[in-house]
Amino acid sequence: MLPPERTPRQRMMDLLIGARLSSHQLAQMLGIPERQVEDHLAHVVKSIGHDHSRRFILEPSTCPDCGFVFRDRSRLTRPSRCPKCRSEGITAPRYGIEAVRKDQN
């Protein structure tokens, strides 16, 4: 259990270290609405951008029907429809934080 005295963003960052979680999973673990998770994620990305010892990981959404991967999507939310086959059964993106090895540039 995470300490309650930490802010939701701090707790979110703790949960994301070494894990890959969707916004729905984060919302359940933090006890906040999924929309709030998506708002907090934008700030987490900025915070991690200033910290050169860690990096934010985004596993993009995919379409299970045709296999399309939303690699170039800059928004952190799940797309509503596949541009290739128009399917609406898109998987949710997953987020994580990992340490940057010192030998990486």
C-alpha atoms as a PDB file:
ATOM      1  CA  MET A   1       0.000   0.000   0.000  1.00  0.00           C
ATOM      2  CA  LEU A   2       1.292   3.447  -0.921  1.00  0.00           C
ATOM      3  CA  PRO A   3       1.550   6.163   1.730  1.00  0.00           C
ATOM      4  CA  PRO A   4      -1.455   8.546   1.587  1.00  0.00           C
ATOM      5  CA  GLU A   5       0.650  11.655   2.303  1.00  0.00           C
ATOM      6  CA  ARG A   6       2.053  11.578  -1.228  1.00  0.00           C
ATOM      7  CA  THR A   7       0.214  13.382  -4.033  1.00  0.00           C
ATOM      8  CA  PRO A   8      -1.630  11.369  -6.686  1.00  0.00           C
ATOM      9  CA  ARG A   9       1.118  12.173  -9.204  1.00  0.00           C
ATOM     10  CA  GLN A  10       3.856  11.003  -6.853  1.00  0.00           C
ATOM     11  CA  ARG A  11       1.944   7.808  -6.131  1.00  0.00           C
ATOM     12  CA  MET A  12       1.353   7.334  -9.872  1.00  0.00           C
ATOM     13  CA  MET A  13       5.070   7.676 -10.565  1.00  0.00           C
ATOM     14  CA  ASP A  14       5.813   5.114  -7.835  1.00  0.00           C
ATOM     15  CA  LEU A  15       3.374   2.663  -9.439  1.00  0.00           C
ATOM     16  CA  LEU A  16       4.810   3.154 -12.932  1.00  0.00           C
ATOM     17  CA  ILE A  17       8.436   2.458 -11.998  1.00  0.00           C
ATOM     18  CA  GLY A  18       9.316  -0.912 -13.460  1.00  0.00           C
ATOM     19  CA  ALA A  19       5.728  -1.651 -14.555  1.00  0.00           C
ATOM     20  CA  ARG A  20       3.470  -1.183 -17.577  1.00  0.00           C
ATOM     21  CA  LEU A  21      -0.045  -0.110 -16.598  1.00  0.00           C
ATOM     22  CA  SER A  22      -3.081   1.249 -18.449  1.00  0.00           C
ATOM     23  CA  SER A  23      -4.943   4.356 -17.302  1.00  0.00           C
ATOM     24  CA  HIS A  24      -7.807   2.102 -16.132  1.00  0.00           C
ATOM     25  CA  GLN A  25      -5.435   0.063 -13.947  1.00  0.00           C
ATOM     26  CA  LEU A  26      -3.891   3.240 -12.525  1.00  0.00           C
ATOM     27  CA  ALA A  27      -7.344   4.672 -11.770  1.00  0.00           C
ATOM     28  CA  GLN A  28      -8.295   1.544  -9.828  1.00  0.00           C
ATOM     29  CA  MET A  29      -5.026   1.467  -7.882  1.00  0.00           C
ATOM     30  CA  LEU A  30      -5.132   5.178  -7.021  1.00  0.00           C
ATOM     31  CA  GLY A  31      -8.882   5.358  -6.393  1.00  0.00           C
ATOM     32  CA  ILE A  32      -9.435   8.274  -8.792  1.00  0.00           C
ATOM     33  CA  PRO A  33     -11.399   8.602 -12.064  1.00  0.00           C
ATOM     34  CA  GLU A  34      -9.675   7.521 -15.274  1.00  0.00           C
ATOM     35  CA  ARG A  35      -9.966  11.066 -16.710  1.00  0.00           C
ATOM     36  CA  GLN A  36      -7.908  12.386 -13.796  1.00  0.00           C
ATOM     37  CA  VAL A  37      -5.265   9.751 -14.456  1.00  0.00           C
ATOM     38  CA  GLU A  38      -4.959  10.946 -18.051  1.00  0.00           C
ATOM     39  CA  ASP A  39      -4.607  14.566 -16.866  1.00  0.00           C
ATOM     40  CA  HIS A  40      -1.938  13.601 -14.324  1.00  0.00           C
ATOM     41  CA  LEU A  41      -0.021  11.544 -16.902  1.00  0.00           C
ATOM     42  CA  ALA A  42       0.715  14.659 -18.965  1.00  0.00           C
ATOM     43  CA  HIS A  43       2.405  16.207 -15.927  1.00  0.00           C
ATOM     44  CA  VAL A  44       4.250  12.986 -15.109  1.00  0.00           C
ATOM     45  CA  VAL A  45       5.700  13.000 -18.637  1.00  0.00           C
ATOM     46  CA  LYS A  46       6.982  16.555 -18.105  1.00  0.00           C
ATOM     47  CA  SER A  47       8.484  15.684 -14.712  1.00  0.00           C
ATOM     48  CA  ILE A  48      10.268  12.626 -16.085  1.00  0.00           C
ATOM     49  CA  GLY A  49      11.521  14.728 -19.018  1.00  0.00           C
ATOM     50  CA  HIS A  50      13.488  16.870 -16.573  1.00  0.00           C
ATOM     51  CA  ASP A  51      14.974  13.844 -14.806  1.00  0.00           C
ATOM     52  CA  HIS A  52      17.788  12.391 -16.916  1.00  0.00           C
ATOM     53  CA  SER A  53      18.059   9.264 -14.779  1.00  0.00           C
ATOM     54  CA  ARG A  54      14.594   7.994 -15.796  1.00  0.00           C
ATOM     55  CA  ARG A  55      12.448   7.907 -18.921  1.00  0.00           C
ATOM     56  CA  PHE A  56       8.738   7.616 -19.596  1.00  0.00           C
ATOM     57  CA  ILE A  57       7.662   4.577 -21.624  1.00  0.00           C
ATOM     58  CA  LEU A  58       4.518   4.542 -23.736  1.00  0.00           C
ATOM     59  CA  GLU A  59       3.420   1.217 -25.177  1.00  0.00           C
ATOM     60  CA  PRO A  60       1.059   2.354 -27.939  1.00  0.00           C
ATOM     61  CA  SER A  61      -2.496   1.204 -28.536  1.00  0.00           C
ATOM     62  CA  THR A  62      -3.056  -1.502 -31.145  1.00  0.00           C
ATOM     63  CA  CYS A  63      -5.959  -2.767 -33.193  1.00  0.00           C
ATOM     64  CA  PRO A  64      -6.466  -6.476 -32.505  1.00  0.00           C
ATOM     65  CA  ASP A  65      -8.504  -6.883 -35.735  1.00  0.00           C
ATOM     66  CA  CYS A  66      -5.893  -5.732 -38.261  1.00  0.00           C
ATOM     67  CA  GLY A  67      -2.738  -5.329 -36.143  1.00  0.00           C
ATOM     68  CA  PHE A  68      -2.359  -1.558 -36.684  1.00  0.00           C
ATOM     69  CA  VAL A  69      -0.064   0.036 -34.065  1.00  0.00           C
ATOM     70  CA  PHE A  70      -0.606   3.685 -33.119  1.00  0.00           C
ATOM     71  CA  ARG A  71       3.134   4.506 -32.988  1.00  0.00           C
ATOM     72  CA  ASP A  72       2.977   8.150 -34.076  1.00  0.00           C
ATOM     73  CA  ARG A  73       0.177   9.165 -31.733  1.00  0.00           C
ATOM     74  CA  SER A  74       1.204  11.971 -29.376  1.00  0.00           C
ATOM     75  CA  ARG A  75      -1.925  11.908 -27.198  1.00  0.00           C
ATOM     76  CA  LEU A  76      -1.816   9.663 -24.144  1.00  0.00           C
ATOM     77  CA  THR A  77      -5.452   8.553 -24.364  1.00  0.00           C
ATOM     78  CA  ARG A  78      -6.823   5.528 -26.212  1.00  0.00           C
ATOM     79  CA  PRO A  79      -7.917   6.196 -29.809  1.00  0.00           C
ATOM     80  CA  SER A  80     -11.592   5.630 -30.557  1.00  0.00           C
ATOM     81  CA  ARG A  81     -11.239   3.908 -33.927  1.00  0.00           C
ATOM     82  CA  CYS A  82      -8.615   2.255 -36.115  1.00  0.00           C
ATOM     83  CA  PRO A  83      -7.746   4.370 -39.178  1.00  0.00           C
ATOM     84  CA  LYS A  84      -7.037   1.229 -41.204  1.00  0.00           C
ATOM     85  CA  CYS A  85     -10.051  -1.050 -40.594  1.00  0.00           C
ATOM     86  CA  ARG A  86     -12.386   1.256 -38.579  1.00  0.00           C
ATOM     87  CA  SER A  87     -12.621  -1.217 -35.710  1.00  0.00           C
ATOM     88  CA  GLU A  88     -13.477   0.281 -32.322  1.00  0.00           C
ATOM     89  CA  GLY A  89     -11.932  -2.519 -30.237  1.00  0.00           C
ATOM     90  CA  ILE A  90      -8.635  -0.715 -29.684  1.00  0.00           C
ATOM     91  CA  THR A  91      -6.372  -1.778 -26.813  1.00  0.00           C
ATOM     92  CA  ALA A  92      -5.487   0.819 -24.215  1.00  0.00           C
ATOM     93  CA  PRO A  93      -1.963   2.256 -24.210  1.00  0.00           C
ATOM     94  CA  ARG A  94       0.226   1.243 -21.291  1.00  0.00           C
ATOM     95  CA  TYR A  95       2.642   3.487 -19.455  1.00  0.00           C
ATOM     96  CA  GLY A  96       5.774   2.933 -17.436  1.00  0.00           C
ATOM     97  CA  ILE A  97       8.911   4.544 -16.064  1.00  0.00           C
ATOM     98  CA  GLU A  98      12.321   2.958 -16.294  1.00  0.00           C
ATOM     99  CA  ALA A  99      15.808   3.923 -15.202  1.00  0.00           C
ATOM    100  CA  VAL A 100      18.206   5.057 -17.896  1.00  0.00           C
ATOM    101  CA  ARG A 101      21.439   3.111 -17.966  1.00  0.00           C
ATOM    102  CA  LYS A 102      24.542   5.262 -17.675  1.00  0.00           C
ATOM    103  CA  ASP A 103      26.041   3.895 -20.904  1.00  0.00           C
ATOM    104  CA  GLN A 104      23.011   5.145 -22.940  1.00  0.00           C
ATOM    105  CA  ASN A 105      23.103   8.612 -24.493  1.00  0.00           C
END
